[in-house]
Amino acid sequence: DQGYLDTDGYLFITGRLKEMINRGGEKIAPREVEDVILHHRGVAEAIAFAVPHETLGEDVAVAVVLREKAAATERELQQFVAAHLAEFKIPGRVVFVDEIPKSATGKPKRLGFAQSLGHLLFLSEHGVREFLAPKTQAEKTLAAIWSQVLGIERIGVQDNFFHLGGDS
């Protein structure tokens, strides 16, 4: 961990140098998640990384480059990982990107990757799933509440409250 001591001797944690993801006390090696998701027939490249989580500290996210002419959804890839790893290692978010940045030595640039994705981590399926607007009064009411609580204008019926940044 990175951090500093203030003038009163209090320790402030500002980041992490190592690649381990600490999800509610459970340690997750990003490479373990990557090794599994790379076995999916539609995945060409993948990088697992930590994203902030309000109550767990960190959560697992994965950015994926699909093979040419391949298709996959966030849910499909999460289920694929779930068949091979413990539940706490399943990525809370899967985003689809055109490329994964690499260092001069060819290794994926994991640290700081979440910040480089910015708002994509909070978009539903990054365009892979069609936006479905709320239709029933109950759906419209819930979408309005979520929109106000999360500060997100467009909420669809397939969106996941927790993936959008919500917390119980």
N, C-alpha and C. Protein backbone atom coordinates (compact mmCIF):
# COMPACT_ATOMS: atom_id res chain seq x y z
N ASP A 1 0.84 -1.19 0.00
CA ASP A 1 0.00 0.00 0.00
C ASP A 1 0.88 1.24 0.00
N GLN A 2 0.33 2.30 -0.57
CA GLN A 2 0.98 3.60 -0.54
C GLN A 2 0.23 4.47 0.44
N GLY A 3 0.93 5.41 1.04
CA GLY A 3 0.26 6.31 1.95
C GLY A 3 1.21 7.32 2.54
N TYR A 4 0.72 8.06 3.50
CA TYR A 4 1.55 9.05 4.17
C TYR A 4 1.05 9.25 5.59
N LEU A 5 1.93 9.76 6.43
CA LEU A 5 1.59 10.14 7.79
C LEU A 5 1.41 11.64 7.82
N ASP A 6 0.30 12.10 8.42
CA ASP A 6 0.13 13.56 8.53
C ASP A 6 0.90 14.07 9.74
N THR A 7 0.84 15.36 9.98
CA THR A 7 1.62 15.97 11.07
C THR A 7 1.21 15.47 12.44
N ASP A 8 -0.02 14.92 12.56
CA ASP A 8 -0.47 14.37 13.84
C ASP A 8 -0.17 12.88 13.98
N GLY A 9 0.47 12.30 12.97
CA GLY A 9 0.84 10.89 13.03
C GLY A 9 -0.22 9.93 12.51
N TYR A 10 -1.27 10.45 11.87
CA TYR A 10 -2.31 9.58 11.30
C TYR A 10 -1.87 9.08 9.93
N LEU A 11 -2.13 7.80 9.68
CA LEU A 11 -1.77 7.17 8.42
C LEU A 11 -2.92 7.30 7.44
N PHE A 12 -2.62 7.78 6.24
CA PHE A 12 -3.61 7.87 5.16
C PHE A 12 -3.16 6.97 4.02
N ILE A 13 -4.00 6.01 3.65
CA ILE A 13 -3.71 5.11 2.55
C ILE A 13 -4.20 5.78 1.26
N THR A 14 -3.31 5.89 0.28
CA THR A 14 -3.65 6.58 -0.96
C THR A 14 -3.67 5.67 -2.18
N GLY A 15 -3.23 4.46 -2.04
CA GLY A 15 -3.23 3.58 -3.20
C GLY A 15 -2.50 2.28 -2.91
N ARG A 16 -2.29 1.54 -3.98
CA ARG A 16 -1.68 0.23 -3.87
C ARG A 16 -0.66 0.04 -4.97
N LEU A 17 0.49 -0.49 -4.63
CA LEU A 17 1.51 -0.73 -5.62
C LEU A 17 1.41 -2.14 -6.20
N LYS A 18 1.01 -3.09 -5.41
CA LYS A 18 0.94 -4.46 -5.91
C LYS A 18 -0.38 -4.70 -6.63
N GLU A 19 -0.47 -5.80 -7.30
CA GLU A 19 -1.61 -6.06 -8.16
C GLU A 19 -2.74 -6.83 -7.48
N MET A 20 -2.56 -7.32 -6.29
CA MET A 20 -3.61 -8.09 -5.63
C MET A 20 -4.85 -7.23 -5.40
N ILE A 21 -6.01 -7.86 -5.53
CA ILE A 21 -7.28 -7.18 -5.27
C ILE A 21 -7.76 -7.66 -3.91
N ASN A 22 -8.07 -6.72 -3.03
CA ASN A 22 -8.55 -7.05 -1.69
C ASN A 22 -10.03 -6.74 -1.63
N ARG A 23 -10.85 -7.77 -1.80
CA ARG A 23 -12.31 -7.62 -1.83
C ARG A 23 -12.87 -8.10 -0.50
N GLY A 24 -13.13 -7.16 0.38
CA GLY A 24 -13.71 -7.51 1.68
C GLY A 24 -12.83 -8.47 2.48
N GLY A 25 -11.52 -8.33 2.37
CA GLY A 25 -10.61 -9.21 3.10
C GLY A 25 -10.17 -10.42 2.31
N GLU A 26 -10.85 -10.73 1.23
CA GLU A 26 -10.47 -11.85 0.36
C GLU A 26 -9.45 -11.34 -0.65
N LYS A 27 -8.34 -12.04 -0.77
CA LYS A 27 -7.30 -11.64 -1.72
C LYS A 27 -7.53 -12.36 -3.05
N ILE A 28 -7.50 -11.59 -4.12
CA ILE A 28 -7.74 -12.14 -5.46
C ILE A 28 -6.59 -11.74 -6.36
N ALA A 29 -5.99 -12.74 -7.00
CA ALA A 29 -4.92 -12.49 -7.96
C ALA A 29 -5.56 -12.21 -9.32
N PRO A 30 -5.35 -11.03 -9.88
CA PRO A 30 -5.95 -10.71 -11.18
C PRO A 30 -5.63 -11.74 -12.26
N ARG A 31 -4.43 -12.27 -12.24
CA ARG A 31 -4.04 -13.25 -13.27
C ARG A 31 -4.90 -14.50 -13.21
N GLU A 32 -5.35 -14.88 -12.02
CA GLU A 32 -6.22 -16.06 -11.90
C GLU A 32 -7.54 -15.83 -12.64
N VAL A 33 -8.10 -14.64 -12.49
CA VAL A 33 -9.35 -14.31 -13.19
C VAL A 33 -9.10 -14.24 -14.69
N GLU A 34 -8.00 -13.62 -15.08
CA GLU A 34 -7.66 -13.51 -16.50
C GLU A 34 -7.48 -14.89 -17.14
N ASP A 35 -6.78 -15.78 -16.44
CA ASP A 35 -6.53 -17.12 -16.98
C ASP A 35 -7.83 -17.84 -17.30
N VAL A 36 -8.85 -17.64 -16.48
CA VAL A 36 -10.13 -18.29 -16.72
C VAL A 36 -10.85 -17.63 -17.90
N ILE A 37 -10.98 -16.32 -17.86
CA ILE A 37 -11.78 -15.63 -18.88
C ILE A 37 -11.14 -15.75 -20.27
N LEU A 38 -9.82 -15.92 -20.32
CA LEU A 38 -9.14 -16.09 -21.61
C LEU A 38 -9.48 -17.43 -22.27
N HIS A 39 -10.06 -18.36 -21.52
CA HIS A 39 -10.47 -19.64 -22.10
C HIS A 39 -11.84 -19.54 -22.78
N HIS A 40 -12.52 -18.45 -22.62
CA HIS A 40 -13.81 -18.26 -23.30
C HIS A 40 -13.54 -18.11 -24.80
N ARG A 41 -14.32 -18.76 -25.62
CA ARG A 41 -14.08 -18.80 -27.06
C ARG A 41 -14.10 -17.43 -27.74
N GLY A 42 -14.79 -16.46 -27.16
CA GLY A 42 -14.90 -15.15 -27.78
C GLY A 42 -13.87 -14.13 -27.33
N VAL A 43 -13.05 -14.49 -26.33
CA VAL A 43 -12.13 -13.52 -25.73
C VAL A 43 -10.73 -13.66 -26.32
N ALA A 44 -10.22 -12.53 -26.85
CA ALA A 44 -8.86 -12.50 -27.39
C ALA A 44 -7.86 -12.06 -26.32
N GLU A 45 -8.22 -11.01 -25.57
CA GLU A 45 -7.36 -10.47 -24.52
C GLU A 45 -8.23 -10.07 -23.34
N ALA A 46 -7.62 -10.07 -22.16
CA ALA A 46 -8.35 -9.65 -20.96
C ALA A 46 -7.37 -9.13 -19.93
N ILE A 47 -7.86 -8.18 -19.14
CA ILE A 47 -7.08 -7.67 -18.02
C ILE A 47 -8.02 -7.48 -16.84
N ALA A 48 -7.68 -8.12 -15.73
CA ALA A 48 -8.46 -7.97 -14.50
C ALA A 48 -7.78 -6.92 -13.64
N PHE A 49 -8.59 -6.13 -12.95
CA PHE A 49 -8.05 -5.04 -12.14
C PHE A 49 -9.04 -4.69 -11.05
N ALA A 50 -8.57 -3.92 -10.08
CA ALA A 50 -9.40 -3.52 -8.96
C ALA A 50 -10.16 -2.24 -9.29
N VAL A 51 -11.40 -2.18 -8.82
CA VAL A 51 -12.18 -0.95 -8.86
C VAL A 51 -12.65 -0.69 -7.44
N PRO A 52 -12.82 0.57 -7.09
CA PRO A 52 -13.27 0.89 -5.73
C PRO A 52 -14.67 0.34 -5.45
N HIS A 53 -14.87 -0.10 -4.24
CA HIS A 53 -16.19 -0.56 -3.78
C HIS A 53 -16.42 0.07 -2.41
N GLU A 54 -17.57 0.68 -2.23
CA GLU A 54 -17.83 1.46 -1.02
C GLU A 54 -17.72 0.64 0.26
N THR A 55 -18.23 -0.59 0.26
CA THR A 55 -18.21 -1.37 1.49
C THR A 55 -17.14 -2.46 1.51
N LEU A 56 -16.77 -2.98 0.35
CA LEU A 56 -15.79 -4.07 0.30
C LEU A 56 -14.36 -3.58 0.11
N GLY A 57 -14.19 -2.29 -0.13
CA GLY A 57 -12.86 -1.75 -0.39
C GLY A 57 -12.54 -1.78 -1.86
N GLU A 58 -12.45 -2.98 -2.42
CA GLU A 58 -12.19 -3.15 -3.84
C GLU A 58 -13.09 -4.25 -4.38
N ASP A 59 -13.32 -4.20 -5.68
CA ASP A 59 -14.05 -5.25 -6.37
C ASP A 59 -13.28 -5.59 -7.63
N VAL A 60 -13.60 -6.73 -8.21
CA VAL A 60 -12.93 -7.20 -9.41
C VAL A 60 -13.66 -6.66 -10.64
N ALA A 61 -12.90 -6.16 -11.59
CA ALA A 61 -13.44 -5.78 -12.90
C ALA A 61 -12.51 -6.37 -13.95
N VAL A 62 -13.04 -6.57 -15.14
CA VAL A 62 -12.25 -7.12 -16.23
C VAL A 62 -12.55 -6.32 -17.49
N ALA A 63 -11.52 -5.96 -18.22
CA ALA A 63 -11.67 -5.37 -19.54
C ALA A 63 -11.32 -6.46 -20.55
N VAL A 64 -12.14 -6.56 -21.58
CA VAL A 64 -12.01 -7.65 -22.54
C VAL A 64 -11.94 -7.11 -23.96
N VAL A 65 -11.05 -7.69 -24.74
CA VAL A 65 -11.01 -7.47 -26.18
C VAL A 65 -11.55 -8.75 -26.79
N LEU A 66 -12.62 -8.62 -27.55
CA LEU A 66 -13.22 -9.80 -28.18
C LEU A 66 -12.48 -10.17 -29.46
N ARG A 67 -12.54 -11.45 -29.78
CA ARG A 67 -11.98 -11.91 -31.06
C ARG A 67 -12.80 -11.31 -32.20
N GLU A 68 -12.18 -11.20 -33.35
CA GLU A 68 -12.88 -10.65 -34.51
C GLU A 68 -14.15 -11.46 -34.79
N LYS A 69 -15.24 -10.77 -34.98
CA LYS A 69 -16.56 -11.34 -35.28
C LYS A 69 -17.15 -12.15 -34.13
N ALA A 70 -16.55 -12.08 -32.95
CA ALA A 70 -17.09 -12.77 -31.78
C ALA A 70 -18.03 -11.84 -31.04
N ALA A 71 -18.94 -12.43 -30.29
CA ALA A 71 -19.87 -11.66 -29.47
C ALA A 71 -19.95 -12.30 -28.09
N ALA A 72 -20.09 -11.47 -27.10
CA ALA A 72 -20.28 -11.94 -25.73
C ALA A 72 -20.90 -10.81 -24.94
N THR A 73 -21.58 -11.16 -23.88
CA THR A 73 -22.17 -10.14 -23.01
C THR A 73 -21.47 -10.20 -21.65
N GLU A 74 -21.67 -9.14 -20.90
CA GLU A 74 -21.11 -9.10 -19.55
C GLU A 74 -21.60 -10.29 -18.75
N ARG A 75 -22.90 -10.52 -18.78
CA ARG A 75 -23.50 -11.61 -18.00
C ARG A 75 -22.93 -12.97 -18.42
N GLU A 76 -22.78 -13.18 -19.71
CA GLU A 76 -22.23 -14.45 -20.21
C GLU A 76 -20.82 -14.70 -19.68
N LEU A 77 -19.99 -13.66 -19.69
CA LEU A 77 -18.61 -13.82 -19.21
C LEU A 77 -18.57 -14.00 -17.69
N GLN A 78 -19.46 -13.33 -16.97
CA GLN A 78 -19.53 -13.52 -15.52
C GLN A 78 -19.94 -14.96 -15.20
N GLN A 79 -20.89 -15.51 -15.94
CA GLN A 79 -21.31 -16.89 -15.71
C GLN A 79 -20.20 -17.87 -16.06
N PHE A 80 -19.44 -17.56 -17.09
CA PHE A 80 -18.32 -18.41 -17.48
C PHE A 80 -17.29 -18.47 -16.36
N VAL A 81 -16.95 -17.31 -15.80
CA VAL A 81 -16.00 -17.26 -14.68
C VAL A 81 -16.58 -17.99 -13.47
N ALA A 82 -17.88 -17.82 -13.23
CA ALA A 82 -18.53 -18.44 -12.07
C ALA A 82 -18.45 -19.96 -12.12
N ALA A 83 -18.38 -20.52 -13.30
CA ALA A 83 -18.28 -21.98 -13.43
C ALA A 83 -16.89 -22.50 -13.05
N HIS A 84 -15.91 -21.60 -12.91
CA HIS A 84 -14.53 -22.02 -12.67
C HIS A 84 -13.89 -21.46 -11.39
N LEU A 85 -14.45 -20.37 -10.86
CA LEU A 85 -13.84 -19.74 -9.69
C LEU A 85 -14.86 -19.52 -8.58
N ALA A 86 -14.37 -19.27 -7.39
CA ALA A 86 -15.24 -18.97 -6.25
C ALA A 86 -16.04 -17.70 -6.52
N GLU A 87 -17.19 -17.60 -5.89
CA GLU A 87 -18.11 -16.48 -6.13
C GLU A 87 -17.46 -15.11 -5.92
N PHE A 88 -16.63 -14.97 -4.89
CA PHE A 88 -16.05 -13.67 -4.61
C PHE A 88 -15.04 -13.23 -5.67
N LYS A 89 -14.65 -14.14 -6.57
CA LYS A 89 -13.69 -13.80 -7.63
C LYS A 89 -14.37 -13.43 -8.95
N ILE A 90 -15.69 -13.52 -9.00
CA ILE A 90 -16.43 -13.19 -10.23
C ILE A 90 -16.39 -11.68 -10.43
N PRO A 91 -16.00 -11.23 -11.60
CA PRO A 91 -15.95 -9.78 -11.84
C PRO A 91 -17.32 -9.13 -11.67
N GLY A 92 -17.34 -8.05 -10.92
CA GLY A 92 -18.58 -7.29 -10.78
C GLY A 92 -18.88 -6.50 -12.03
N ARG A 93 -17.86 -6.19 -12.80
CA ARG A 93 -18.01 -5.45 -14.06
C ARG A 93 -17.13 -6.09 -15.12
N VAL A 94 -17.67 -6.18 -16.31
CA VAL A 94 -16.91 -6.58 -17.49
C VAL A 94 -17.17 -5.50 -18.52
N VAL A 95 -16.11 -4.87 -18.99
CA VAL A 95 -16.25 -3.85 -20.02
C VAL A 95 -15.52 -4.32 -21.27
N PHE A 96 -16.02 -3.88 -22.40
CA PHE A 96 -15.45 -4.29 -23.67
C PHE A 96 -14.68 -3.11 -24.26
N VAL A 97 -13.42 -3.37 -24.60
CA VAL A 97 -12.53 -2.33 -25.12
C VAL A 97 -11.91 -2.80 -26.43
N ASP A 98 -11.37 -1.84 -27.19
CA ASP A 98 -10.72 -2.17 -28.45
C ASP A 98 -9.30 -2.69 -28.27
N GLU A 99 -8.64 -2.20 -27.21
CA GLU A 99 -7.29 -2.66 -26.93
C GLU A 99 -6.97 -2.49 -25.45
N ILE A 100 -5.99 -3.26 -25.00
CA ILE A 100 -5.53 -3.18 -23.62
C ILE A 100 -4.14 -2.56 -23.64
N PRO A 101 -3.97 -1.45 -22.91
CA PRO A 101 -2.65 -0.80 -22.92
C PRO A 101 -1.59 -1.69 -22.29
N LYS A 102 -0.42 -1.64 -22.89
CA LYS A 102 0.69 -2.47 -22.39
C LYS A 102 1.91 -1.60 -22.13
N SER A 103 2.75 -2.08 -21.22
CA SER A 103 3.99 -1.38 -20.90
C SER A 103 5.01 -1.64 -22.01
N ALA A 104 6.16 -1.03 -21.88
CA ALA A 104 7.22 -1.21 -22.88
C ALA A 104 7.67 -2.66 -22.97
N THR A 105 7.48 -3.41 -21.89
CA THR A 105 7.88 -4.83 -21.89
C THR A 105 6.75 -5.75 -22.37
N GLY A 106 5.61 -5.16 -22.76
CA GLY A 106 4.51 -5.97 -23.28
C GLY A 106 3.53 -6.47 -22.25
N LYS A 107 3.74 -6.10 -20.99
CA LYS A 107 2.82 -6.52 -19.93
C LYS A 107 1.64 -5.56 -19.85
N PRO A 108 0.45 -6.08 -19.53
CA PRO A 108 -0.71 -5.19 -19.39
C PRO A 108 -0.48 -4.17 -18.28
N LYS A 109 -0.91 -2.94 -18.50
CA LYS A 109 -0.79 -1.88 -17.51
C LYS A 109 -2.01 -1.94 -16.59
N ARG A 110 -1.91 -2.74 -15.55
CA ARG A 110 -3.03 -2.99 -14.65
C ARG A 110 -3.27 -1.82 -13.69
N LEU A 111 -2.19 -1.31 -13.09
CA LEU A 111 -2.33 -0.24 -12.11
C LEU A 111 -2.81 1.03 -12.80
N GLY A 112 -3.86 1.61 -12.27
CA GLY A 112 -4.43 2.82 -12.85
C GLY A 112 -5.36 2.58 -14.01
N PHE A 113 -5.56 1.31 -14.37
CA PHE A 113 -6.40 1.01 -15.53
C PHE A 113 -7.85 1.43 -15.31
N ALA A 114 -8.35 1.24 -14.10
CA ALA A 114 -9.74 1.62 -13.80
C ALA A 114 -9.95 3.11 -14.06
N GLN A 115 -8.99 3.94 -13.64
CA GLN A 115 -9.13 5.38 -13.85
C GLN A 115 -9.12 5.72 -15.33
N SER A 116 -8.35 5.00 -16.13
CA SER A 116 -8.30 5.29 -17.56
C SER A 116 -9.61 4.95 -18.25
N LEU A 117 -10.38 4.02 -17.69
CA LEU A 117 -11.67 3.66 -18.28
C LEU A 117 -12.77 4.64 -17.89
N GLY A 118 -12.59 5.29 -16.75
CA GLY A 118 -13.55 6.30 -16.31
C GLY A 118 -14.98 5.82 -16.33
N HIS A 119 -15.83 6.54 -17.05
CA HIS A 119 -17.27 6.27 -17.04
C HIS A 119 -17.65 4.94 -17.67
N LEU A 120 -16.78 4.31 -18.45
CA LEU A 120 -17.14 3.04 -19.07
C LEU A 120 -17.46 1.96 -18.04
N LEU A 121 -16.85 2.07 -16.87
CA LEU A 121 -17.10 1.07 -15.84
C LEU A 121 -18.53 1.15 -15.32
N PHE A 122 -19.19 2.26 -15.54
CA PHE A 122 -20.52 2.43 -15.01
C PHE A 122 -21.59 2.37 -16.08
N LEU A 123 -21.20 2.13 -17.32
CA LEU A 123 -22.19 1.99 -18.38
C LEU A 123 -22.66 0.55 -18.43
N SER A 124 -23.91 0.37 -18.71
CA SER A 124 -24.47 -0.97 -18.80
C SER A 124 -23.99 -1.65 -20.08
N GLU A 125 -23.19 -2.66 -19.93
CA GLU A 125 -22.72 -3.52 -21.02
C GLU A 125 -21.91 -2.80 -22.09
N HIS A 126 -21.57 -1.52 -21.92
CA HIS A 126 -20.76 -0.79 -22.90
C HIS A 126 -21.28 -1.00 -24.32
N GLY A 127 -22.58 -0.92 -24.47
CA GLY A 127 -23.19 -1.00 -25.79
C GLY A 127 -23.44 -2.41 -26.27
N VAL A 128 -23.05 -3.43 -25.53
CA VAL A 128 -23.26 -4.80 -25.99
C VAL A 128 -24.72 -5.21 -25.84
N ARG A 129 -25.37 -4.76 -24.81
CA ARG A 129 -26.78 -5.06 -24.59
C ARG A 129 -27.59 -3.83 -24.97
N GLU A 130 -28.66 -4.05 -25.70
CA GLU A 130 -29.52 -2.96 -26.11
C GLU A 130 -30.17 -2.32 -24.89
N PHE A 131 -30.24 -1.00 -24.89
CA PHE A 131 -30.90 -0.27 -23.80
C PHE A 131 -32.39 -0.55 -23.86
N LEU A 132 -32.95 -1.00 -22.74
CA LEU A 132 -34.39 -1.23 -22.65
C LEU A 132 -34.96 -0.26 -21.65
N ALA A 133 -35.78 0.67 -22.14
CA ALA A 133 -36.37 1.69 -21.29
C ALA A 133 -37.43 1.07 -20.38
N PRO A 134 -37.62 1.64 -19.20
CA PRO A 134 -38.69 1.19 -18.31
C PRO A 134 -40.05 1.35 -18.99
N LYS A 135 -40.91 0.34 -18.82
CA LYS A 135 -42.23 0.38 -19.47
C LYS A 135 -43.35 0.47 -18.45
N THR A 136 -43.30 -0.38 -17.44
CA THR A 136 -44.38 -0.39 -16.45
C THR A 136 -44.19 0.76 -15.47
N GLN A 137 -45.23 1.09 -14.74
CA GLN A 137 -45.12 2.17 -13.76
C GLN A 137 -44.09 1.82 -12.68
N ALA A 138 -44.06 0.56 -12.27
CA ALA A 138 -43.09 0.13 -11.25
C ALA A 138 -41.66 0.32 -11.77
N GLU A 139 -41.40 -0.07 -13.03
CA GLU A 139 -40.07 0.10 -13.61
C GLU A 139 -39.69 1.57 -13.71
N LYS A 140 -40.65 2.40 -14.11
CA LYS A 140 -40.39 3.84 -14.24
C LYS A 140 -40.09 4.46 -12.88
N THR A 141 -40.82 4.04 -11.87
CA THR A 141 -40.60 4.57 -10.52
C THR A 141 -39.22 4.17 -10.00
N LEU A 142 -38.88 2.89 -10.14
CA LEU A 142 -37.55 2.43 -9.71
C LEU A 142 -36.44 3.13 -10.48
N ALA A 143 -36.60 3.28 -11.78
CA ALA A 143 -35.58 3.94 -12.59
C ALA A 143 -35.39 5.39 -12.14
N ALA A 144 -36.48 6.06 -11.81
CA ALA A 144 -36.40 7.45 -11.34
C ALA A 144 -35.66 7.53 -10.01
N ILE A 145 -35.94 6.58 -9.12
CA ILE A 145 -35.26 6.56 -7.82
C ILE A 145 -33.77 6.29 -8.02
N TRP A 146 -33.44 5.28 -8.82
CA TRP A 146 -32.04 4.95 -9.09
C TRP A 146 -31.33 6.13 -9.73
N SER A 147 -31.98 6.78 -10.67
CA SER A 147 -31.40 7.92 -11.35
C SER A 147 -31.04 9.02 -10.36
N GLN A 148 -31.94 9.29 -9.43
CA GLN A 148 -31.71 10.33 -8.43
C GLN A 148 -30.59 9.92 -7.47
N VAL A 149 -30.64 8.69 -6.98
CA VAL A 149 -29.66 8.22 -5.99
C VAL A 149 -28.27 8.11 -6.60
N LEU A 150 -28.19 7.60 -7.84
CA LEU A 150 -26.89 7.34 -8.47
C LEU A 150 -26.37 8.51 -9.29
N GLY A 151 -27.23 9.48 -9.58
CA GLY A 151 -26.80 10.61 -10.40
C GLY A 151 -26.55 10.22 -11.85
N ILE A 152 -27.31 9.25 -12.33
CA ILE A 152 -27.19 8.77 -13.71
C ILE A 152 -28.52 9.04 -14.40
N GLU A 153 -28.47 9.70 -15.56
CA GLU A 153 -29.72 10.08 -16.24
C GLU A 153 -30.51 8.89 -16.77
N ARG A 154 -29.84 8.02 -17.50
CA ARG A 154 -30.56 6.96 -18.22
C ARG A 154 -30.37 5.61 -17.50
N ILE A 155 -31.46 5.07 -16.97
CA ILE A 155 -31.43 3.77 -16.30
C ILE A 155 -32.35 2.85 -17.08
N GLY A 156 -31.83 1.70 -17.48
CA GLY A 156 -32.62 0.72 -18.23
C GLY A 156 -33.05 -0.43 -17.34
N VAL A 157 -34.00 -1.21 -17.82
CA VAL A 157 -34.53 -2.32 -17.01
C VAL A 157 -33.52 -3.45 -16.84
N GLN A 158 -32.49 -3.51 -17.68
CA GLN A 158 -31.48 -4.55 -17.54
C GLN A 158 -30.28 -4.10 -16.72
N ASP A 159 -30.24 -2.83 -16.32
CA ASP A 159 -29.10 -2.32 -15.56
C ASP A 159 -29.09 -2.92 -14.16
N ASN A 160 -27.87 -3.09 -13.64
CA ASN A 160 -27.67 -3.65 -12.31
C ASN A 160 -27.31 -2.51 -11.35
N PHE A 161 -28.13 -2.31 -10.33
CA PHE A 161 -27.96 -1.23 -9.36
C PHE A 161 -26.54 -1.21 -8.79
N PHE A 162 -26.01 -2.37 -8.42
CA PHE A 162 -24.70 -2.44 -7.81
C PHE A 162 -23.59 -2.15 -8.82
N HIS A 163 -23.76 -2.60 -10.06
CA HIS A 163 -22.76 -2.33 -11.09
C HIS A 163 -22.74 -0.86 -11.48
N LEU A 164 -23.85 -0.18 -11.28
CA LEU A 164 -23.91 1.25 -11.59
C LEU A 164 -23.33 2.10 -10.46
N GLY A 165 -22.92 1.47 -9.37
CA GLY A 165 -22.30 2.18 -8.27
C GLY A 165 -23.14 2.21 -7.01
N GLY A 166 -24.31 1.57 -7.02
CA GLY A 166 -25.18 1.54 -5.85
C GLY A 166 -24.67 0.57 -4.80
N ASP A 167 -25.19 0.71 -3.62
CA ASP A 167 -24.79 -0.14 -2.51
C ASP A 167 -25.98 -0.31 -1.58
N SER A 168 -26.07 -1.45 -0.94
CA SER A 168 -27.17 -1.69 -0.02
C SER A 168 -27.02 -0.86 1.23
